[in-house]
């Protein structure tokens, strides 16, 4: 895979016949998927999206509107979707992945979404603009979207909070538009103890595709990426399913 500011493969596999393109949660970055490559068979290459405003792109402004982010992703991924691929999005990344799947060409083989209600279901989001940085961190640790060990390191919090605020602004201003279902099969997964994703809201992803649909609850809470075994298994199963 050629160098790209938008996409990185920590375990590159030039001969792989399938790519998994991963989009992180609110405030997250490509590092959330650094360890995923070796968990997949040799014919699958795991790539992660690098957003502006964090890690290697920390000096670039974050993108705070869904339409602008999806347009930038389409342009940034051009030339890197040269083989069959599966889109995976976690939490906010699930909605970004869905909107990207609606617009990108070639289309993904499948869309896998985790820890997210379907975008046409209401979701309670914290009012981060009204919170201090300390309150933001406390809220996100309670929600399971920020590891407690990160919250204990002020230097990590200082870097993370601006990206989190930007992504929550994106999430709060996002409005689902019903332009008809996508032709991409969708596989939805959530933790059994996830208080933010009900079975009804997870199954509602099936209303957004004309293709095949699966929904699965696995052990865990909202932050399935903290112990990725079950969600990796779900992505692997999706990779092995027929495209439609």
Protein backbone atom coordinates (compact mmCIF):
# COMPACT_ATOMS: atom_id res chain seq x y z
CA UNK A 1 0.00 0.00 0.00
CA UNK A 2 1.43 3.37 -1.02
CA UNK A 3 2.01 5.98 1.70
CA UNK A 4 -1.14 7.91 2.56
CA UNK A 5 -1.83 10.52 5.25
CA UNK A 6 -5.28 8.95 5.61
CA UNK A 7 -4.53 5.24 5.85
CA UNK A 8 -1.93 3.10 7.58
CA UNK A 9 -1.27 -0.63 7.79
CA UNK A 10 0.90 -1.48 10.82
CA UNK A 11 1.30 -5.06 9.56
CA UNK A 12 1.42 -4.56 5.77
CA UNK A 13 0.54 -7.54 3.59
CA UNK A 14 1.06 -6.53 -0.04
CA UNK A 15 -0.25 -9.87 -1.32
CA UNK A 16 -3.46 -9.88 0.72
CA UNK A 17 -6.63 -10.32 -1.28
CA UNK A 18 -8.85 -8.45 1.19
CA UNK A 19 -8.46 -5.31 3.27
CA UNK A 20 -10.25 -4.31 6.45
CA UNK A 21 -10.45 -0.52 6.67
CA UNK A 22 -11.06 0.56 10.29
CA UNK A 23 -12.56 3.83 11.53
CA UNK A 24 -12.09 4.75 15.21
CA UNK A 25 -14.43 5.98 17.94
CA UNK A 26 -14.92 9.61 19.01
CA UNK A 27 -11.56 11.07 19.98
CA UNK A 28 -9.83 7.89 18.83
CA UNK A 29 -7.09 7.41 16.30
CA UNK A 30 -5.51 4.76 14.13
CA UNK A 31 -3.54 3.47 17.12
CA UNK A 32 -6.68 1.72 18.36
CA UNK A 33 -6.03 -0.90 15.67
CA UNK A 34 -2.22 -1.18 15.85
CA UNK A 35 -2.36 -4.73 17.25
CA UNK A 36 -5.05 -6.06 14.93
CA UNK A 37 -2.95 -7.12 11.95
CA UNK A 38 -1.47 -10.33 13.44
CA UNK A 39 -4.96 -11.41 14.60
CA UNK A 40 -6.09 -11.87 11.00
CA UNK A 41 -5.11 -14.54 8.47
CA UNK A 42 -2.43 -13.80 5.88
CA UNK A 43 -4.95 -13.06 3.12
CA UNK A 44 -6.38 -10.10 5.10
CA UNK A 45 -4.59 -6.77 5.57
CA UNK A 46 -5.82 -4.48 8.35
CA UNK A 47 -5.66 -0.74 7.67
CA UNK A 48 -6.70 2.11 9.95
CA UNK A 49 -7.91 5.58 9.05
CA UNK A 50 -5.85 8.50 10.35
CA UNK A 51 -8.01 11.54 11.11
CA UNK A 52 -6.65 15.10 11.11
CA UNK A 53 -6.12 16.56 14.56
CA UNK A 54 -4.47 13.56 16.22
CA UNK A 55 -1.22 11.60 16.37
CA UNK A 56 0.78 12.09 13.15
CA UNK A 57 -1.71 14.75 12.00
CA UNK A 58 -2.11 16.52 15.34
CA UNK A 59 -1.19 19.92 13.86
CA UNK A 60 -4.00 19.75 11.29
CA UNK A 61 -7.45 21.04 12.22
CA UNK A 62 -10.01 18.41 13.16
CA UNK A 63 -13.04 18.02 10.90
CA UNK A 64 -16.25 18.83 12.78
CA UNK A 65 -18.99 18.02 10.25
CA UNK A 66 -19.93 14.59 8.91
CA UNK A 67 -20.36 15.72 5.31
CA UNK A 68 -16.90 17.32 5.26
CA UNK A 69 -15.26 14.30 6.88
CA UNK A 70 -16.86 11.84 4.45
CA UNK A 71 -15.88 13.99 1.46
CA UNK A 72 -12.29 14.18 2.74
CA UNK A 73 -12.23 10.42 3.33
CA UNK A 74 -13.48 9.70 -0.19
CA UNK A 75 -10.69 11.81 -1.64
CA UNK A 76 -8.06 10.51 0.79
CA UNK A 77 -8.84 6.84 0.17
CA UNK A 78 -8.90 7.18 -3.61
CA UNK A 79 -6.37 4.76 -5.07
CA UNK A 80 -6.23 2.70 -1.86
CA UNK A 81 -9.42 0.73 -2.47
CA UNK A 82 -7.86 -1.25 -5.30
CA UNK A 83 -8.87 -4.66 -3.93
CA UNK A 84 -11.95 -6.03 -2.15
CA UNK A 85 -12.37 -4.47 1.28
CA UNK A 86 -14.56 -4.50 4.37
CA UNK A 87 -15.35 -1.27 6.24
CA UNK A 88 -15.33 -1.46 10.04
CA UNK A 89 -16.45 1.38 12.30
CA UNK A 90 -16.61 1.49 16.08
CA UNK A 91 -19.07 3.75 17.96
CA UNK A 92 -19.01 7.12 16.12
CA UNK A 93 -16.83 5.41 13.52
CA UNK A 94 -19.79 3.14 12.69
CA UNK A 95 -21.83 6.11 11.51
CA UNK A 96 -18.87 7.54 9.59
CA UNK A 97 -18.37 4.14 7.94
CA UNK A 98 -22.05 3.96 7.00
CA UNK A 99 -22.06 7.42 5.41
CA UNK A 100 -18.83 6.58 3.59
CA UNK A 101 -20.29 3.29 2.32
CA UNK A 102 -23.18 5.29 0.84
CA UNK A 103 -20.85 7.42 -1.25
CA UNK A 104 -17.54 5.69 -1.92
CA UNK A 105 -16.65 3.80 -5.08
CA UNK A 106 -15.91 0.99 -5.33
CA UNK A 107 -18.31 0.02 -2.56
CA UNK A 108 -17.10 -2.15 0.33
CA UNK A 109 -17.75 -5.87 0.29
CA UNK A 110 -19.41 -5.57 3.71
CA UNK A 111 -19.93 -2.97 6.43
CA UNK A 112 -19.26 -4.05 10.02
CA UNK A 113 -20.45 -1.70 12.78
CA UNK A 114 -19.86 -2.06 16.50
CA UNK A 115 -21.08 -0.36 19.69
CA UNK A 116 -23.43 1.99 17.86
CA UNK A 117 -27.19 2.34 17.53
CA UNK A 118 -28.38 2.67 13.95
CA UNK A 119 -28.11 6.29 12.79
CA UNK A 120 -31.89 6.76 12.49
CA UNK A 121 -32.30 5.90 16.20
CA UNK A 122 -31.94 8.62 18.81
CA UNK A 123 -28.73 8.51 20.83
CA UNK A 124 -28.04 10.34 24.08
CA UNK A 125 -24.82 12.32 23.80
CA UNK A 126 -23.18 14.31 26.61
CA UNK A 127 -23.16 18.11 26.27
CA UNK A 128 -19.38 18.42 26.07
CA UNK A 129 -19.34 22.13 25.17
CA UNK A 130 -20.86 22.89 28.58
CA UNK A 131 -18.28 20.76 30.44
CA UNK A 132 -14.80 21.48 31.76
CA UNK A 133 -11.98 19.22 30.57
CA UNK A 134 -12.12 17.38 33.91
CA UNK A 135 -15.86 16.80 33.51
CA UNK A 136 -15.32 15.59 29.95
CA UNK A 137 -12.79 13.02 31.12
CA UNK A 138 -15.02 11.88 34.00
CA UNK A 139 -18.01 11.48 31.65
CA UNK A 140 -16.06 9.50 29.06
CA UNK A 141 -14.48 7.17 31.61
CA UNK A 142 -17.97 6.49 32.99
CA UNK A 143 -19.27 5.78 29.48
CA UNK A 144 -16.40 3.39 28.80
CA UNK A 145 -15.13 5.44 25.86
CA UNK A 146 -11.89 6.54 27.55
CA UNK A 147 -9.69 4.02 29.36
CA UNK A 148 -9.16 4.96 33.01
CA UNK A 149 -5.39 4.60 32.55
CA UNK A 150 -5.44 7.39 29.94
CA UNK A 151 -7.35 9.64 32.33
CA UNK A 152 -4.57 9.25 34.90
CA UNK A 153 -1.98 10.85 32.59
CA UNK A 154 -2.45 14.63 32.18
CA UNK A 155 -0.24 14.73 29.08
CA UNK A 156 -2.47 12.19 27.32
CA UNK A 157 -5.64 14.00 28.41
CA UNK A 158 -4.25 17.29 27.07
CA UNK A 159 -3.82 15.72 23.64
CA UNK A 160 -7.04 13.69 23.67
CA UNK A 161 -9.63 16.23 24.83
CA UNK A 162 -9.49 18.58 21.78
CA UNK A 163 -10.04 15.63 19.42
CA UNK A 164 -12.87 14.31 21.61
CA UNK A 165 -14.58 17.71 21.63
CA UNK A 166 -14.28 17.95 17.85
CA UNK A 167 -15.73 14.47 17.30
CA UNK A 168 -18.62 15.03 19.68
CA UNK A 169 -19.44 18.26 17.85
CA UNK A 170 -19.50 16.19 14.66
CA UNK A 171 -21.75 13.61 16.32
CA UNK A 172 -24.16 16.20 17.77
CA UNK A 173 -24.56 18.03 14.45
CA UNK A 174 -24.93 14.87 12.36
CA UNK A 175 -28.41 14.31 10.97
CA UNK A 176 -29.32 11.05 9.28
CA UNK A 177 -30.98 11.56 5.90
CA UNK A 178 -33.08 8.74 4.52
CA UNK A 179 -31.80 8.41 0.98
CA UNK A 180 -32.79 4.76 0.80
CA UNK A 181 -30.89 1.67 1.97
CA UNK A 182 -27.40 0.80 0.80
CA UNK A 183 -26.68 -2.28 -1.28
CA UNK A 184 -23.86 -3.28 1.08
CA UNK A 185 -24.43 -6.14 3.58
CA UNK A 186 -24.23 -4.97 7.19
CA UNK A 187 -22.99 -6.89 10.24
CA UNK A 188 -23.75 -5.17 13.57
CA UNK A 189 -22.19 -6.11 16.92
CA UNK A 190 -22.48 -4.71 20.45
CA UNK A 191 -21.58 -5.69 23.99
CA UNK A 192 -24.17 -7.43 26.14
CA UNK A 193 -23.54 -4.86 28.89
CA UNK A 194 -23.58 -1.82 26.60
CA UNK A 195 -26.17 0.53 28.12
CA UNK A 196 -26.03 2.82 25.07
CA UNK A 197 -27.03 0.24 22.43
CA UNK A 198 -30.32 -1.61 22.86
CA UNK A 199 -31.15 -4.76 20.88
CA UNK A 200 -33.78 -2.75 18.99
CA UNK A 201 -31.29 -0.03 18.06
CA UNK A 202 -28.73 -2.60 16.95
CA UNK A 203 -31.18 -4.58 14.83
CA UNK A 204 -32.34 -1.33 13.21
CA UNK A 205 -29.13 -1.35 11.16
CA UNK A 206 -30.85 -4.06 9.12
CA UNK A 207 -33.35 -1.47 7.88
CA UNK A 208 -30.53 0.38 6.13
CA UNK A 209 -29.42 -2.33 3.70
CA UNK A 210 -30.93 -4.27 0.82
CA UNK A 211 -28.24 -6.89 1.35
CA UNK A 212 -27.70 -9.48 4.05
CA UNK A 213 -27.77 -8.45 7.70
CA UNK A 214 -26.56 -9.98 10.97
CA UNK A 215 -26.72 -8.63 14.53
CA UNK A 216 -24.70 -10.10 17.38
CA UNK A 217 -24.31 -9.32 21.07
CA UNK A 218 -21.02 -10.42 22.62
CA UNK A 219 -19.63 -10.30 26.17
CA UNK A 220 -18.52 -6.81 27.17
CA UNK A 221 -19.63 -3.21 27.48
CA UNK A 222 -19.47 -0.19 25.18
CA UNK A 223 -15.71 -0.23 24.71
CA UNK A 224 -15.27 -3.56 22.93
CA UNK A 225 -11.91 -2.41 21.60
CA UNK A 226 -10.35 -2.56 25.07
CA UNK A 227 -10.56 -6.37 24.82
CA UNK A 228 -10.89 -6.82 21.06
CA UNK A 229 -11.20 -10.60 20.87
CA UNK A 230 -14.96 -10.75 20.36
CA UNK A 231 -15.20 -7.85 17.95
CA UNK A 232 -12.24 -9.18 15.94
CA UNK A 233 -14.05 -12.52 15.72
CA UNK A 234 -17.10 -10.67 14.35
CA UNK A 235 -15.00 -8.89 11.72
CA UNK A 236 -13.29 -12.15 10.77
CA UNK A 237 -16.67 -13.85 10.37
CA UNK A 238 -17.84 -10.99 8.14
CA UNK A 239 -14.71 -11.33 6.00
CA UNK A 240 -15.56 -14.98 5.39
CA UNK A 241 -19.18 -14.38 4.45
CA UNK A 242 -20.32 -14.01 0.88
CA UNK A 243 -20.33 -10.40 -0.35
CA UNK A 244 -24.12 -10.24 -0.69
